[in-house]
Amino acid sequence: LDEIDGEAYAPMKTCRQLADLLAQIRPAAVFTHWPLDTHSDHVMTFAAVHKAVDLMGGATPEIYYMEEPHQSKNFQPDHYVYINHVREKKNEIIRCYECQNRNDGLVRRKMQQSAERGRDVWTPARHCEAYASFNNRAYGRPPYGTVPKVFADMDGKPGETKKEDK
């Protein structure tokens, strides 16, 4: 959308372009950055997505927030996805983003984060990604007494541990 890395902003032109793109694609869900983030590009991405969805009108996609290690603040997820079966593929993709992965640092931070999130849901699965939904009360604070939704990977059920995961 012609925004420059490190200088991103959410002007109406960008929001309208994004709204048009989303209207063409018609996704059921859109994933964007958590709004409380130390990186201004992430905050502006959040703002552009929300304005674009608002501009769409009619049937709009659900919005989910992702977190960034050491950048997202006060992130309270309500959805967890097991990623054991795609962990190495994700690392390969991260390694293609060389400017953000000096000395494999981003890969290490993402793996540390996914291990921490795996422990959050008391599972032997070891690696999970966490998301917060826009419809969740108070931007990510699960309603009192609720349990986060946990989605199994394609090869197993929540709580199962495969030999290669041990």
Protein backbone atom coordinates (compact mmCIF):
# COMPACT_ATOMS: atom_id res chain seq x y z
CA LEU A 1 0.00 0.00 0.00
CA ASP A 2 2.99 2.26 -0.60
CA GLU A 3 3.80 2.76 3.09
CA ILE A 4 7.51 2.94 3.92
CA ASP A 5 9.09 0.62 6.49
CA GLY A 6 9.83 2.68 9.58
CA GLU A 7 7.63 5.56 8.41
CA ALA A 8 4.21 3.91 8.16
CA TYR A 9 1.16 5.97 8.90
CA ALA A 10 -2.58 5.36 8.54
CA PRO A 11 -3.76 8.12 6.16
CA MET A 12 -7.26 7.88 4.72
CA LYS A 13 -5.85 6.98 1.27
CA THR A 14 -4.12 3.89 2.71
CA CYS A 15 -7.18 2.93 4.76
CA ARG A 16 -9.44 3.19 1.68
CA GLN A 17 -7.00 1.10 -0.41
CA LEU A 18 -6.95 -1.53 2.30
CA ALA A 19 -10.76 -1.45 2.60
CA ASP A 20 -11.06 -1.99 -1.17
CA LEU A 21 -8.60 -4.87 -1.06
CA LEU A 22 -10.42 -6.51 1.86
CA ALA A 23 -13.76 -6.06 0.08
CA GLN A 24 -12.36 -7.90 -2.95
CA ILE A 25 -10.82 -10.72 -0.91
CA ARG A 26 -13.74 -10.98 1.56
CA PRO A 27 -11.75 -12.68 4.34
CA ALA A 28 -13.56 -14.19 7.30
CA ALA A 29 -10.81 -12.86 9.58
CA VAL A 30 -8.01 -10.31 9.51
CA PHE A 31 -4.91 -10.60 11.71
CA THR A 32 -3.13 -7.43 12.71
CA HIS A 33 -0.82 -6.07 15.37
CA TRP A 34 -1.88 -5.52 18.97
CA PRO A 35 -2.52 -1.77 19.46
CA LEU A 36 -0.16 -1.36 22.44
CA ASP A 37 3.21 -1.82 20.82
CA THR A 38 6.56 -0.06 21.02
CA HIS A 39 6.99 -0.07 17.21
CA SER A 40 5.10 2.78 15.54
CA ASP A 41 4.62 0.82 12.28
CA HIS A 42 2.73 -1.83 14.23
CA VAL A 43 0.47 0.75 15.86
CA MET A 44 -0.24 2.35 12.50
CA THR A 45 -0.99 -1.05 10.95
CA PHE A 46 -3.51 -1.67 13.71
CA ALA A 47 -5.10 1.75 13.04
CA ALA A 48 -5.26 1.23 9.26
CA VAL A 49 -6.87 -2.20 9.63
CA HIS A 50 -9.54 -0.90 12.00
CA LYS A 51 -10.38 2.08 9.80
CA ALA A 52 -10.42 -0.12 6.69
CA VAL A 53 -12.83 -2.60 8.28
CA ASP A 54 -15.00 0.33 9.39
CA LEU A 55 -15.00 1.73 5.83
CA MET A 56 -16.05 -1.64 4.39
CA GLY A 57 -19.51 -1.55 5.95
CA GLY A 58 -21.79 -4.53 5.58
CA ALA A 59 -20.33 -7.96 6.26
CA THR A 60 -16.96 -7.32 7.85
CA PRO A 61 -14.24 -9.76 8.87
CA GLU A 62 -13.45 -10.66 12.44
CA ILE A 63 -10.31 -8.96 13.75
CA TYR A 64 -7.62 -10.81 15.68
CA TYR A 65 -4.48 -9.36 17.20
CA MET A 66 -1.06 -10.93 17.25
CA GLU A 67 1.81 -10.11 19.56
CA GLU A 68 5.43 -9.35 18.90
CA PRO A 69 8.08 -10.57 21.34
CA HIS A 70 9.38 -7.76 23.55
CA GLN A 71 7.26 -5.14 21.73
CA SER A 72 3.59 -5.84 22.49
CA LYS A 73 2.52 -4.48 25.86
CA ASN A 74 -0.25 -5.79 28.13
CA PHE A 75 -1.22 -8.48 25.62
CA GLN A 76 -3.92 -10.77 27.02
CA PRO A 77 -4.75 -13.56 24.53
CA ASP A 78 -8.00 -15.46 24.36
CA HIS A 79 -7.08 -17.88 21.54
CA TYR A 80 -4.11 -20.24 21.26
CA VAL A 81 -2.99 -22.22 18.21
CA TYR A 82 -0.56 -25.15 18.41
CA ILE A 83 2.31 -24.68 15.96
CA ASN A 84 4.55 -27.71 16.55
CA HIS A 85 3.93 -29.09 13.08
CA VAL A 86 4.87 -25.81 11.33
CA ARG A 87 7.55 -24.51 13.70
CA GLU A 88 10.53 -25.25 11.44
CA LYS A 89 8.75 -23.92 8.34
CA LYS A 90 8.02 -20.68 10.22
CA ASN A 91 11.70 -20.40 11.12
CA GLU A 92 12.67 -20.82 7.45
CA ILE A 93 10.30 -18.00 6.50
CA ILE A 94 11.60 -15.72 9.28
CA ARG A 95 15.15 -16.33 8.06
CA CYS A 96 14.15 -14.84 4.68
CA TYR A 97 13.54 -11.54 6.46
CA GLU A 98 17.24 -10.93 6.97
CA CYS A 99 17.08 -7.28 8.09
CA GLN A 100 14.90 -8.26 11.07
CA ASN A 101 16.68 -11.52 11.91
CA ARG A 102 20.29 -10.59 12.55
CA ASN A 103 22.25 -13.55 13.95
CA ASP A 104 18.98 -15.55 14.06
CA GLY A 105 17.74 -13.30 16.88
CA LEU A 106 14.14 -13.04 15.67
CA VAL A 107 13.91 -16.81 15.28
CA ARG A 108 15.12 -17.25 18.87
CA ARG A 109 12.67 -14.63 20.21
CA LYS A 110 9.73 -16.18 18.33
CA MET A 111 10.64 -19.68 19.60
CA GLN A 112 10.96 -18.39 23.17
CA GLN A 113 7.61 -16.66 22.86
CA SER A 114 5.84 -19.73 21.43
CA ALA A 115 7.29 -21.92 24.20
CA GLU A 116 6.04 -19.44 26.83
CA ARG A 117 2.58 -19.41 25.24
CA GLY A 118 2.58 -23.22 25.19
CA ARG A 119 3.17 -23.17 28.94
CA ASP A 120 0.36 -20.61 29.37
CA VAL A 121 -2.21 -23.21 28.37
CA TRP A 122 -0.73 -25.97 30.57
CA THR A 123 -0.04 -28.31 27.73
CA PRO A 124 2.79 -30.59 26.74
CA ALA A 125 2.44 -29.27 23.18
CA ARG A 126 5.35 -26.93 23.89
CA HIS A 127 4.75 -24.32 21.17
CA CYS A 128 1.67 -22.15 20.66
CA GLU A 129 0.89 -18.79 19.13
CA ALA A 130 -1.48 -16.54 21.02
CA TYR A 131 -4.12 -14.19 19.64
CA ALA A 132 -6.65 -11.80 21.10
CA SER A 133 -9.99 -11.20 19.43
CA PHE A 134 -11.51 -7.77 18.90
CA ASN A 135 -14.83 -9.01 20.26
CA ASN A 136 -13.21 -10.01 23.54
CA ARG A 137 -14.11 -7.58 26.30
CA ALA A 138 -11.60 -4.90 27.28
CA TYR A 139 -9.18 -5.56 24.41
CA GLY A 140 -7.95 -8.97 25.30
CA ARG A 141 -9.00 -9.40 28.90
CA PRO A 142 -10.93 -12.66 28.93
CA PRO A 143 -14.27 -12.38 30.72
CA TYR A 144 -13.88 -13.54 34.31
CA GLY A 145 -13.99 -17.32 34.65
CA THR A 146 -13.56 -18.11 30.96
CA VAL A 147 -10.97 -20.47 29.57
CA PRO A 148 -9.00 -19.47 26.45
CA LYS A 149 -9.84 -21.31 23.24
CA VAL A 150 -7.09 -23.73 22.24
CA PHE A 151 -6.93 -25.06 18.70
CA ALA A 152 -5.10 -28.29 17.92
CA ASP A 153 -2.61 -28.60 15.13
CA MET A 154 -3.47 -30.66 12.06
CA ASP A 155 -1.77 -33.77 13.41
CA GLY A 156 -3.14 -34.06 16.91
CA LYS A 157 -5.53 -33.02 19.61
CA PRO A 158 -4.94 -30.46 22.34
CA GLY A 159 -2.70 -31.92 24.97
CA GLU A 160 -1.29 -34.72 22.81
CA THR A 161 2.45 -34.98 22.51
CA LYS A 162 4.03 -36.65 19.52
CA LYS A 163 7.34 -38.49 19.76
CA GLU A 164 9.25 -35.77 17.93
CA ASP A 165 7.91 -33.11 20.35
CA LYS A 166 9.32 -34.84 23.44
